[in-house]
Amino acid sequence: MGGSDRMAWSLPYEVFISLRYLKAKRRQRSLSVITFISIAGVAVGVM
């Protein structure tokens, strides 16, 4: 197991899934931006 595996397990499950989808491939960059804006909107709405 590498260092990245250890870090992934120390994060909450929701944060791990969010980061996984935010780290989209270069061709999916626009989708990543839309995902980030959506997550930020939900976070602000919950506060």
C-alpha atoms as a PDB file:
ATOM      1  CA  MET A   1       0.000   0.000   0.000  1.00  0.00           C
ATOM      2  CA  GLY A   2       1.322   3.409  -0.954  1.00  0.00           C
ATOM      3  CA  GLY A   3       0.991   6.673   0.861  1.00  0.00           C
ATOM      4  CA  SER A   4      -1.988   7.733  -1.240  1.00  0.00           C
ATOM      5  CA  ASP A   5      -3.945   4.632  -0.170  1.00  0.00           C
ATOM      6  CA  ARG A   6      -3.325   5.434   3.466  1.00  0.00           C
ATOM      7  CA  MET A   7      -4.466   9.040   2.970  1.00  0.00           C
ATOM      8  CA  ALA A   8      -7.624   7.914   1.174  1.00  0.00           C
ATOM      9  CA  TRP A   9      -8.668   5.759   4.115  1.00  0.00           C
ATOM     10  CA  SER A  10      -8.146   8.580   6.619  1.00  0.00           C
ATOM     11  CA  LEU A  11     -10.698  10.772   4.791  1.00  0.00           C
ATOM     12  CA  PRO A  12     -14.431  10.471   5.385  1.00  0.00           C
ATOM     13  CA  TYR A  13     -16.168   8.411   2.713  1.00  0.00           C
ATOM     14  CA  GLU A  14     -18.087  11.381   1.283  1.00  0.00           C
ATOM     15  CA  VAL A  15     -14.934  13.488   0.922  1.00  0.00           C
ATOM     16  CA  PHE A  16     -13.111  10.584  -0.728  1.00  0.00           C
ATOM     17  CA  ILE A  17     -15.885  10.149  -3.314  1.00  0.00           C
ATOM     18  CA  SER A  18     -16.023  13.910  -3.950  1.00  0.00           C
ATOM     19  CA  LEU A  19     -12.284  14.149  -4.530  1.00  0.00           C
ATOM     20  CA  ARG A  20     -12.379  11.133  -6.803  1.00  0.00           C
ATOM     21  CA  TYR A  21     -14.871  12.806  -9.124  1.00  0.00           C
ATOM     22  CA  LEU A  22     -13.240  16.246  -8.885  1.00  0.00           C
ATOM     23  CA  LYS A  23      -9.980  14.740 -10.161  1.00  0.00           C
ATOM     24  CA  ALA A  24     -11.430  14.181 -13.620  1.00  0.00           C
ATOM     25  CA  LYS A  25      -9.326  13.562 -16.687  1.00  0.00           C
ATOM     26  CA  ARG A  26      -8.232  16.527 -18.753  1.00  0.00           C
ATOM     27  CA  ARG A  27     -10.973  15.997 -21.365  1.00  0.00           C
ATOM     28  CA  GLN A  28     -13.608  16.063 -18.622  1.00  0.00           C
ATOM     29  CA  ARG A  29     -12.395  19.336 -17.102  1.00  0.00           C
ATOM     30  CA  SER A  30     -15.701  21.148 -17.724  1.00  0.00           C
ATOM     31  CA  LEU A  31     -17.568  18.361 -15.946  1.00  0.00           C
ATOM     32  CA  SER A  32     -15.180  18.726 -13.012  1.00  0.00           C
ATOM     33  CA  VAL A  33     -15.914  22.461 -12.767  1.00  0.00           C
ATOM     34  CA  ILE A  34     -19.660  21.829 -12.866  1.00  0.00           C
ATOM     35  CA  THR A  35     -19.282  19.162 -10.177  1.00  0.00           C
ATOM     36  CA  PHE A  36     -17.290  21.550  -7.968  1.00  0.00           C
ATOM     37  CA  ILE A  37     -19.889  24.307  -8.341  1.00  0.00           C
ATOM     38  CA  SER A  38     -22.678  21.845  -7.495  1.00  0.00           C
ATOM     39  CA  ILE A  39     -20.898  20.559  -4.393  1.00  0.00           C
ATOM     40  CA  ALA A  40     -20.168  24.126  -3.258  1.00  0.00           C
ATOM     41  CA  GLY A  41     -23.836  25.052  -3.750  1.00  0.00           C
ATOM     42  CA  VAL A  42     -25.012  22.109  -1.678  1.00  0.00           C
ATOM     43  CA  ALA A  43     -22.480  22.944   1.049  1.00  0.00           C
ATOM     44  CA  VAL A  44     -23.682  26.562   1.218  1.00  0.00           C
ATOM     45  CA  GLY A  45     -27.315  25.434   1.214  1.00  0.00           C
ATOM     46  CA  VAL A  46     -26.717  23.063   4.123  1.00  0.00           C
ATOM     47  CA  MET A  47     -25.032  25.756   6.209  1.00  0.00           C
END
